Amino acid sequence: MSKQVNILYISLSGNTKAFIGKLTQYFSKQGITVNALNVKEFPEFTKLKLPFVTFLPAFLKGGNGTDNGYTEILTTILGDYLAYENNYIHCYGIIGSGNRNFNKQFALTAKQYAKRFGFPLIAEYELRGTESDVLRIAQRIMEQQKVFEK
């Protein structure tokens, strides 16, 4: 099992960053190092060479969440980072988050990125996530990373 998890993410309201913090603590107890890059804090694009997982909250504008309109806002820099120098080829999956009150818009951006870039949607969680979300997502990350590295 790999002893390192690389994460590319964006956090605007602090929810995703808080979840990454909980995930990092969990992995640390397992002897696994987490290297996390918030593209909002380091907006200068670099070529990524190591396998990584992506976290993306849903920030959308317009529509009612069920049948009309939803345009990604505020998080498009993450898509640009993935596209830069084909960084997405090293991504073994994406994890989406959001607020379930927004119906079909919940984690929608992550689903759109999975389709756009051709990597799997690994999991979803709401807002800052729960302890059970941390355990479930950590397990799925390690499983997907193992598949990707083969």
N, C-alpha and C. Protein backbone atom coordinates (compact mmCIF):
# COMPACT_ATOMS: atom_id res chain seq x y z
N MET A 1 0.84 -1.19 0.00
CA MET A 1 0.00 0.00 0.00
C MET A 1 0.88 1.24 0.00
N SER A 2 0.48 2.19 -0.82
CA SER A 2 1.22 3.44 -0.90
C SER A 2 1.19 4.17 0.43
N LYS A 3 2.28 4.83 0.78
CA LYS A 3 2.37 5.56 2.05
C LYS A 3 2.18 7.05 1.83
N GLN A 4 1.64 7.42 0.67
CA GLN A 4 1.45 8.83 0.36
C GLN A 4 0.17 9.01 -0.45
N VAL A 5 -0.57 10.06 -0.12
CA VAL A 5 -1.75 10.43 -0.89
C VAL A 5 -1.57 11.89 -1.30
N ASN A 6 -1.67 12.14 -2.60
CA ASN A 6 -1.58 13.49 -3.13
C ASN A 6 -2.99 13.96 -3.49
N ILE A 7 -3.31 15.18 -3.04
CA ILE A 7 -4.65 15.72 -3.24
C ILE A 7 -4.56 17.08 -3.91
N LEU A 8 -5.34 17.26 -4.96
CA LEU A 8 -5.52 18.55 -5.62
C LEU A 8 -6.96 18.96 -5.35
N TYR A 9 -7.16 20.17 -4.81
CA TYR A 9 -8.51 20.57 -4.45
C TYR A 9 -8.67 22.08 -4.51
N ILE A 10 -9.92 22.50 -4.34
CA ILE A 10 -10.21 23.92 -4.17
C ILE A 10 -11.19 24.03 -3.01
N SER A 11 -10.95 25.01 -2.17
CA SER A 11 -11.85 25.28 -1.05
C SER A 11 -12.09 26.77 -1.00
N LEU A 12 -13.35 27.15 -1.09
CA LEU A 12 -13.72 28.56 -1.08
C LEU A 12 -14.35 28.96 0.24
N SER A 13 -15.28 28.15 0.73
CA SER A 13 -15.98 28.48 1.98
C SER A 13 -15.29 27.88 3.19
N GLY A 14 -14.31 27.01 2.98
CA GLY A 14 -13.60 26.36 4.07
C GLY A 14 -14.06 24.94 4.34
N ASN A 15 -15.19 24.53 3.78
CA ASN A 15 -15.69 23.18 4.03
C ASN A 15 -14.76 22.10 3.50
N THR A 16 -14.32 22.25 2.25
CA THR A 16 -13.43 21.24 1.66
C THR A 16 -12.10 21.20 2.40
N LYS A 17 -11.56 22.36 2.73
CA LYS A 17 -10.30 22.40 3.47
C LYS A 17 -10.44 21.72 4.83
N ALA A 18 -11.57 21.92 5.50
CA ALA A 18 -11.81 21.27 6.80
C ALA A 18 -11.87 19.75 6.62
N PHE A 19 -12.52 19.30 5.56
CA PHE A 19 -12.60 17.86 5.32
C PHE A 19 -11.23 17.28 5.02
N ILE A 20 -10.44 17.97 4.20
CA ILE A 20 -9.08 17.51 3.90
C ILE A 20 -8.26 17.43 5.19
N GLY A 21 -8.46 18.37 6.10
CA GLY A 21 -7.78 18.34 7.40
C GLY A 21 -8.13 17.09 8.20
N LYS A 22 -9.41 16.74 8.24
CA LYS A 22 -9.83 15.53 8.95
C LYS A 22 -9.27 14.28 8.28
N LEU A 23 -9.27 14.29 6.96
CA LEU A 23 -8.74 13.16 6.21
C LEU A 23 -7.23 13.02 6.44
N THR A 24 -6.54 14.14 6.47
CA THR A 24 -5.09 14.14 6.73
C THR A 24 -4.79 13.56 8.11
N GLN A 25 -5.56 13.95 9.11
CA GLN A 25 -5.37 13.41 10.47
C GLN A 25 -5.59 11.90 10.47
N TYR A 26 -6.63 11.45 9.81
CA TYR A 26 -6.92 10.02 9.74
C TYR A 26 -5.76 9.27 9.08
N PHE A 27 -5.33 9.75 7.91
CA PHE A 27 -4.25 9.08 7.20
C PHE A 27 -2.96 9.10 8.02
N SER A 28 -2.70 10.18 8.71
CA SER A 28 -1.49 10.28 9.54
C SER A 28 -1.45 9.16 10.58
N LYS A 29 -2.59 8.86 11.17
CA LYS A 29 -2.67 7.78 12.17
C LYS A 29 -2.41 6.42 11.53
N GLN A 30 -2.59 6.34 10.21
CA GLN A 30 -2.32 5.09 9.48
C GLN A 30 -0.90 5.05 8.92
N GLY A 31 -0.11 6.09 9.21
CA GLY A 31 1.25 6.15 8.70
C GLY A 31 1.34 6.60 7.25
N ILE A 32 0.30 7.29 6.77
CA ILE A 32 0.25 7.74 5.39
C ILE A 32 0.37 9.26 5.35
N THR A 33 1.27 9.76 4.54
CA THR A 33 1.48 11.20 4.39
C THR A 33 0.53 11.75 3.34
N VAL A 34 -0.04 12.92 3.63
CA VAL A 34 -0.91 13.60 2.67
C VAL A 34 -0.22 14.87 2.20
N ASN A 35 -0.14 15.03 0.89
CA ASN A 35 0.32 16.27 0.27
C ASN A 35 -0.88 16.87 -0.42
N ALA A 36 -1.38 17.98 0.11
CA ALA A 36 -2.60 18.58 -0.43
C ALA A 36 -2.29 19.97 -1.00
N LEU A 37 -2.82 20.23 -2.18
CA LEU A 37 -2.61 21.51 -2.85
C LEU A 37 -3.97 22.14 -3.12
N ASN A 38 -4.24 23.27 -2.46
CA ASN A 38 -5.45 24.04 -2.70
C ASN A 38 -5.13 25.04 -3.81
N VAL A 39 -5.74 24.87 -4.97
CA VAL A 39 -5.41 25.73 -6.11
C VAL A 39 -5.77 27.19 -5.85
N LYS A 40 -6.63 27.43 -4.89
CA LYS A 40 -6.97 28.82 -4.54
C LYS A 40 -5.78 29.50 -3.86
N GLU A 41 -5.00 28.74 -3.09
CA GLU A 41 -3.85 29.29 -2.37
C GLU A 41 -2.57 29.29 -3.21
N PHE A 42 -2.50 28.41 -4.21
CA PHE A 42 -1.33 28.31 -5.08
C PHE A 42 -1.80 28.30 -6.54
N PRO A 43 -2.25 29.46 -7.01
CA PRO A 43 -2.87 29.48 -8.34
C PRO A 43 -1.91 29.36 -9.52
N GLU A 44 -0.60 29.39 -9.28
CA GLU A 44 0.33 29.22 -10.40
C GLU A 44 0.38 27.75 -10.78
N PHE A 45 0.02 27.44 -12.00
CA PHE A 45 -0.05 26.05 -12.44
C PHE A 45 1.33 25.44 -12.59
N THR A 46 1.44 24.18 -12.22
CA THR A 46 2.66 23.40 -12.40
C THR A 46 2.28 22.06 -13.03
N LYS A 47 3.24 21.44 -13.65
CA LYS A 47 3.05 20.10 -14.22
C LYS A 47 3.07 19.10 -13.06
N LEU A 48 2.00 18.32 -12.93
CA LEU A 48 1.92 17.31 -11.88
C LEU A 48 2.43 15.98 -12.44
N LYS A 49 3.26 15.30 -11.65
CA LYS A 49 3.86 14.07 -12.14
C LYS A 49 3.48 12.85 -11.33
N LEU A 50 2.95 13.05 -10.13
CA LEU A 50 2.58 11.94 -9.25
C LEU A 50 1.08 11.72 -9.28
N PRO A 51 0.62 10.50 -9.06
CA PRO A 51 -0.81 10.23 -9.01
C PRO A 51 -1.47 11.05 -7.89
N PHE A 52 -2.69 11.51 -8.15
CA PHE A 52 -3.41 12.30 -7.16
C PHE A 52 -4.91 12.09 -7.28
N VAL A 53 -5.61 12.49 -6.25
CA VAL A 53 -7.06 12.50 -6.22
C VAL A 53 -7.50 13.96 -6.13
N THR A 54 -8.66 14.27 -6.69
CA THR A 54 -9.17 15.64 -6.72
C THR A 54 -10.43 15.76 -5.88
N PHE A 55 -10.54 16.86 -5.15
CA PHE A 55 -11.75 17.19 -4.38
C PHE A 55 -12.34 18.46 -4.96
N LEU A 56 -13.65 18.44 -5.22
CA LEU A 56 -14.30 19.59 -5.84
C LEU A 56 -15.69 19.82 -5.24
N PRO A 57 -15.88 20.95 -4.59
CA PRO A 57 -17.23 21.29 -4.12
C PRO A 57 -18.05 21.86 -5.27
N ALA A 58 -19.36 21.80 -5.13
CA ALA A 58 -20.25 22.35 -6.15
C ALA A 58 -20.56 23.81 -5.84
N PHE A 59 -20.12 24.68 -6.71
CA PHE A 59 -20.49 26.10 -6.67
C PHE A 59 -21.12 26.41 -8.01
N LEU A 60 -22.44 26.50 -8.03
CA LEU A 60 -23.16 26.66 -9.28
C LEU A 60 -24.08 27.87 -9.20
N LYS A 61 -24.42 28.39 -10.37
CA LYS A 61 -25.31 29.53 -10.43
C LYS A 61 -26.45 29.18 -11.35
N GLY A 62 -27.61 29.67 -10.99
CA GLY A 62 -28.78 29.50 -11.84
C GLY A 62 -29.46 28.16 -11.68
N GLY A 63 -30.62 28.08 -12.24
CA GLY A 63 -31.37 26.84 -12.23
C GLY A 63 -32.04 26.57 -10.90
N ASN A 64 -32.88 25.55 -10.90
CA ASN A 64 -33.58 25.18 -9.68
C ASN A 64 -33.06 23.87 -9.09
N GLY A 65 -32.03 23.32 -9.67
CA GLY A 65 -31.44 22.09 -9.15
C GLY A 65 -32.09 20.83 -9.66
N THR A 66 -33.15 20.96 -10.43
CA THR A 66 -33.80 19.75 -10.92
C THR A 66 -33.91 19.67 -12.43
N ASP A 67 -34.29 20.77 -13.09
CA ASP A 67 -34.49 20.63 -14.53
C ASP A 67 -34.02 21.80 -15.40
N ASN A 68 -33.43 22.82 -14.82
CA ASN A 68 -32.97 23.90 -15.70
C ASN A 68 -31.74 24.61 -15.17
N GLY A 69 -30.78 24.74 -16.05
CA GLY A 69 -29.61 25.56 -15.83
C GLY A 69 -28.78 25.34 -14.59
N TYR A 70 -27.53 25.17 -14.79
CA TYR A 70 -26.55 25.19 -13.72
C TYR A 70 -25.20 25.45 -14.36
N THR A 71 -24.59 26.55 -13.98
CA THR A 71 -23.32 26.97 -14.52
C THR A 71 -22.30 27.01 -13.39
N GLU A 72 -21.17 26.35 -13.61
CA GLU A 72 -20.10 26.35 -12.60
C GLU A 72 -19.57 27.76 -12.44
N ILE A 73 -19.43 28.17 -11.19
CA ILE A 73 -18.81 29.46 -10.88
C ILE A 73 -17.77 29.26 -9.80
N LEU A 74 -16.79 30.10 -9.77
CA LEU A 74 -15.76 30.17 -8.72
C LEU A 74 -14.76 29.03 -8.71
N THR A 75 -15.10 27.86 -9.18
CA THR A 75 -14.17 26.72 -9.09
C THR A 75 -13.53 26.35 -10.42
N THR A 76 -13.76 27.12 -11.46
CA THR A 76 -13.24 26.75 -12.79
C THR A 76 -11.71 26.69 -12.83
N ILE A 77 -11.03 27.35 -11.91
CA ILE A 77 -9.56 27.29 -11.87
C ILE A 77 -9.08 25.85 -11.66
N LEU A 78 -9.85 25.04 -10.94
CA LEU A 78 -9.45 23.65 -10.73
C LEU A 78 -9.49 22.89 -12.06
N GLY A 79 -10.51 23.11 -12.86
CA GLY A 79 -10.58 22.48 -14.18
C GLY A 79 -9.43 22.93 -15.07
N ASP A 80 -9.11 24.20 -14.99
CA ASP A 80 -7.98 24.72 -15.77
C ASP A 80 -6.67 24.07 -15.33
N TYR A 81 -6.51 23.85 -14.01
CA TYR A 81 -5.31 23.22 -13.47
C TYR A 81 -5.21 21.77 -13.96
N LEU A 82 -6.34 21.08 -13.96
CA LEU A 82 -6.35 19.69 -14.44
C LEU A 82 -5.99 19.62 -15.93
N ALA A 83 -6.49 20.59 -16.70
CA ALA A 83 -6.23 20.60 -18.14
C ALA A 83 -4.79 21.02 -18.46
N TYR A 84 -4.18 21.83 -17.61
CA TYR A 84 -2.83 22.34 -17.84
C TYR A 84 -1.84 21.19 -18.01
N GLU A 85 -1.14 21.18 -19.12
CA GLU A 85 -0.12 20.15 -19.40
C GLU A 85 -0.66 18.73 -19.22
N ASN A 86 -1.99 18.56 -19.42
CA ASN A 86 -2.64 17.25 -19.25
C ASN A 86 -2.45 16.67 -17.85
N ASN A 87 -2.47 17.50 -16.84
CA ASN A 87 -2.34 17.03 -15.45
C ASN A 87 -3.37 15.95 -15.12
N TYR A 88 -4.53 16.03 -15.73
CA TYR A 88 -5.62 15.10 -15.41
C TYR A 88 -5.24 13.63 -15.62
N ILE A 89 -4.25 13.35 -16.47
CA ILE A 89 -3.90 11.95 -16.71
C ILE A 89 -3.33 11.27 -15.47
N HIS A 90 -2.89 12.06 -14.48
CA HIS A 90 -2.36 11.49 -13.24
C HIS A 90 -3.43 11.42 -12.15
N CYS A 91 -4.63 11.87 -12.46
CA CYS A 91 -5.71 11.87 -11.48
C CYS A 91 -6.44 10.54 -11.53
N TYR A 92 -6.52 9.86 -10.40
CA TYR A 92 -7.18 8.56 -10.37
C TYR A 92 -8.62 8.64 -9.88
N GLY A 93 -9.13 9.84 -9.67
CA GLY A 93 -10.54 9.97 -9.31
C GLY A 93 -10.85 11.31 -8.67
N ILE A 94 -12.14 11.57 -8.56
CA ILE A 94 -12.60 12.83 -7.99
C ILE A 94 -13.64 12.56 -6.91
N ILE A 95 -13.64 13.41 -5.91
CA ILE A 95 -14.60 13.35 -4.81
C ILE A 95 -15.35 14.67 -4.79
N GLY A 96 -16.66 14.58 -4.84
CA GLY A 96 -17.49 15.77 -4.89
C GLY A 96 -18.17 16.06 -3.57
N SER A 97 -18.46 17.33 -3.35
CA SER A 97 -19.18 17.71 -2.14
C SER A 97 -20.15 18.83 -2.46
N GLY A 98 -20.94 19.16 -1.48
CA GLY A 98 -21.92 20.22 -1.64
C GLY A 98 -22.97 20.12 -0.56
N ASN A 99 -24.12 20.70 -0.84
CA ASN A 99 -25.23 20.71 0.09
C ASN A 99 -26.37 19.93 -0.55
N ARG A 100 -26.85 18.90 0.12
CA ARG A 100 -27.92 18.06 -0.44
C ARG A 100 -29.22 18.83 -0.67
N ASN A 101 -29.37 19.98 -0.03
CA ASN A 101 -30.55 20.81 -0.25
C ASN A 101 -30.67 21.27 -1.70
N PHE A 102 -29.56 21.21 -2.44
CA PHE A 102 -29.58 21.69 -3.81
C PHE A 102 -29.92 20.59 -4.82
N ASN A 103 -30.51 19.51 -4.34
CA ASN A 103 -31.04 18.44 -5.19
C ASN A 103 -30.01 17.94 -6.19
N LYS A 104 -30.34 18.00 -7.49
CA LYS A 104 -29.45 17.46 -8.52
C LYS A 104 -28.14 18.23 -8.63
N GLN A 105 -28.09 19.42 -8.08
CA GLN A 105 -26.85 20.18 -8.13
C GLN A 105 -25.84 19.69 -7.08
N PHE A 106 -26.27 18.83 -6.14
CA PHE A 106 -25.35 18.29 -5.14
C PHE A 106 -24.22 17.54 -5.83
N ALA A 107 -22.99 17.97 -5.60
CA ALA A 107 -21.78 17.35 -6.16
C ALA A 107 -21.79 17.27 -7.69
N LEU A 108 -22.60 18.08 -8.32
CA LEU A 108 -22.74 18.03 -9.77
C LEU A 108 -21.43 18.36 -10.49
N THR A 109 -20.69 19.32 -10.01
CA THR A 109 -19.45 19.70 -10.70
C THR A 109 -18.47 18.53 -10.75
N ALA A 110 -18.39 17.77 -9.67
CA ALA A 110 -17.49 16.61 -9.66
C ALA A 110 -17.94 15.57 -10.70
N LYS A 111 -19.24 15.37 -10.82
CA LYS A 111 -19.76 14.44 -11.83
C LYS A 111 -19.41 14.94 -13.24
N GLN A 112 -19.53 16.25 -13.45
CA GLN A 112 -19.19 16.82 -14.75
C GLN A 112 -17.70 16.68 -15.05
N TYR A 113 -16.85 16.89 -14.05
CA TYR A 113 -15.41 16.74 -14.25
C TYR A 113 -15.04 15.29 -14.53
N ALA A 114 -15.67 14.35 -13.85
CA ALA A 114 -15.40 12.92 -14.10
C ALA A 114 -15.68 12.59 -15.56
N LYS A 115 -16.79 13.09 -16.06
CA LYS A 115 -17.14 12.85 -17.46
C LYS A 115 -16.19 13.59 -18.39
N ARG A 116 -15.91 14.84 -18.10
CA ARG A 116 -15.05 15.67 -18.96
C ARG A 116 -13.64 15.11 -19.09
N PHE A 117 -13.06 14.67 -17.95
CA PHE A 117 -11.66 14.24 -17.95
C PHE A 117 -11.48 12.72 -18.01
N GLY A 118 -12.55 11.96 -17.84
CA GLY A 118 -12.46 10.50 -17.97
C GLY A 118 -11.92 9.78 -16.75
N PHE A 119 -12.01 10.37 -15.58
CA PHE A 119 -11.64 9.64 -14.37
C PHE A 119 -12.89 9.37 -13.54
N PRO A 120 -12.84 8.40 -12.63
CA PRO A 120 -14.05 8.03 -11.89
C PRO A 120 -14.43 9.01 -10.78
N LEU A 121 -15.73 9.08 -10.53
CA LEU A 121 -16.25 9.75 -9.35
C LEU A 121 -16.14 8.73 -8.23
N ILE A 122 -15.26 8.99 -7.27
CA ILE A 122 -14.97 8.03 -6.20
C ILE A 122 -16.03 8.07 -5.11
N ALA A 123 -16.43 9.28 -4.73
CA ALA A 123 -17.36 9.42 -3.60
C ALA A 123 -17.92 10.84 -3.57
N GLU A 124 -18.92 11.01 -2.71
CA GLU A 124 -19.52 12.32 -2.45
C GLU A 124 -19.71 12.44 -0.94
N TYR A 125 -19.73 13.66 -0.46
CA TYR A 125 -20.05 13.92 0.95
C TYR A 125 -20.67 15.29 1.05
N GLU A 126 -21.35 15.54 2.14
CA GLU A 126 -22.04 16.81 2.31
C GLU A 126 -21.25 17.75 3.22
N LEU A 127 -21.15 19.01 2.78
CA LEU A 127 -20.55 20.11 3.53
C LEU A 127 -19.18 19.76 4.08
N ARG A 128 -19.01 19.67 5.42
CA ARG A 128 -17.70 19.34 6.00
C ARG A 128 -17.51 17.86 6.24
N GLY A 129 -18.51 17.07 5.92
CA GLY A 129 -18.42 15.62 6.07
C GLY A 129 -18.50 15.18 7.52
N THR A 130 -18.73 13.91 7.71
CA THR A 130 -18.81 13.29 9.03
C THR A 130 -17.60 12.38 9.22
N GLU A 131 -17.44 11.88 10.43
CA GLU A 131 -16.35 10.93 10.69
C GLU A 131 -16.50 9.67 9.83
N SER A 132 -17.75 9.23 9.64
CA SER A 132 -17.95 8.05 8.79
C SER A 132 -17.61 8.36 7.33
N ASP A 133 -17.85 9.61 6.90
CA ASP A 133 -17.43 10.01 5.56
C ASP A 133 -15.91 9.92 5.42
N VAL A 134 -15.20 10.37 6.44
CA VAL A 134 -13.73 10.32 6.41
C VAL A 134 -13.27 8.88 6.23
N LEU A 135 -13.80 7.96 7.02
CA LEU A 135 -13.38 6.56 6.93
C LEU A 135 -13.73 5.97 5.56
N ARG A 136 -14.95 6.21 5.11
CA ARG A 136 -15.42 5.68 3.83
C ARG A 136 -14.58 6.22 2.67
N ILE A 137 -14.33 7.52 2.67
CA ILE A 137 -13.60 8.14 1.57
C ILE A 137 -12.12 7.77 1.61
N ALA A 138 -11.54 7.70 2.78
CA ALA A 138 -10.14 7.27 2.89
C ALA A 138 -9.96 5.87 2.30
N GLN A 139 -10.90 4.99 2.62
CA GLN A 139 -10.83 3.62 2.09
C GLN A 139 -10.96 3.62 0.57
N ARG A 140 -11.89 4.40 0.06
CA ARG A 140 -12.09 4.45 -1.40
C ARG A 140 -10.89 5.06 -2.11
N ILE A 141 -10.28 6.07 -1.49
CA ILE A 141 -9.08 6.67 -2.09
C ILE A 141 -7.98 5.62 -2.21
N MET A 142 -7.75 4.88 -1.13
CA MET A 142 -6.67 3.89 -1.15
C MET A 142 -6.96 2.77 -2.17
N GLU A 143 -8.22 2.36 -2.25
CA GLU A 143 -8.59 1.33 -3.23
C GLU A 143 -8.36 1.82 -4.66
N GLN A 144 -8.80 3.05 -4.93
CA GLN A 144 -8.67 3.59 -6.28
C GLN A 144 -7.21 3.86 -6.63
N GLN A 145 -6.44 4.32 -5.65
CA GLN A 145 -5.03 4.56 -5.88
C GLN A 145 -4.32 3.25 -6.23
N LYS A 146 -4.67 2.20 -5.55
CA LYS A 146 -4.07 0.88 -5.81
C LYS A 146 -4.38 0.42 -7.23
N VAL A 147 -5.61 0.59 -7.67
CA VAL A 147 -6.01 0.21 -9.03
C VAL A 147 -5.24 1.05 -10.06
N PHE A 148 -5.12 2.34 -9.80
CA PHE A 148 -4.45 3.25 -10.73
C PHE A 148 -2.96 2.93 -10.88
N GLU A 149 -2.33 2.54 -9.77
CA GLU A 149 -0.88 2.31 -9.78
C GLU A 149 -0.50 0.99 -10.43
N LYS A 150 -1.45 0.13 -10.71
CA LYS A 150 -1.13 -1.17 -11.34
C LYS A 150 -0.84 -1.03 -12.81
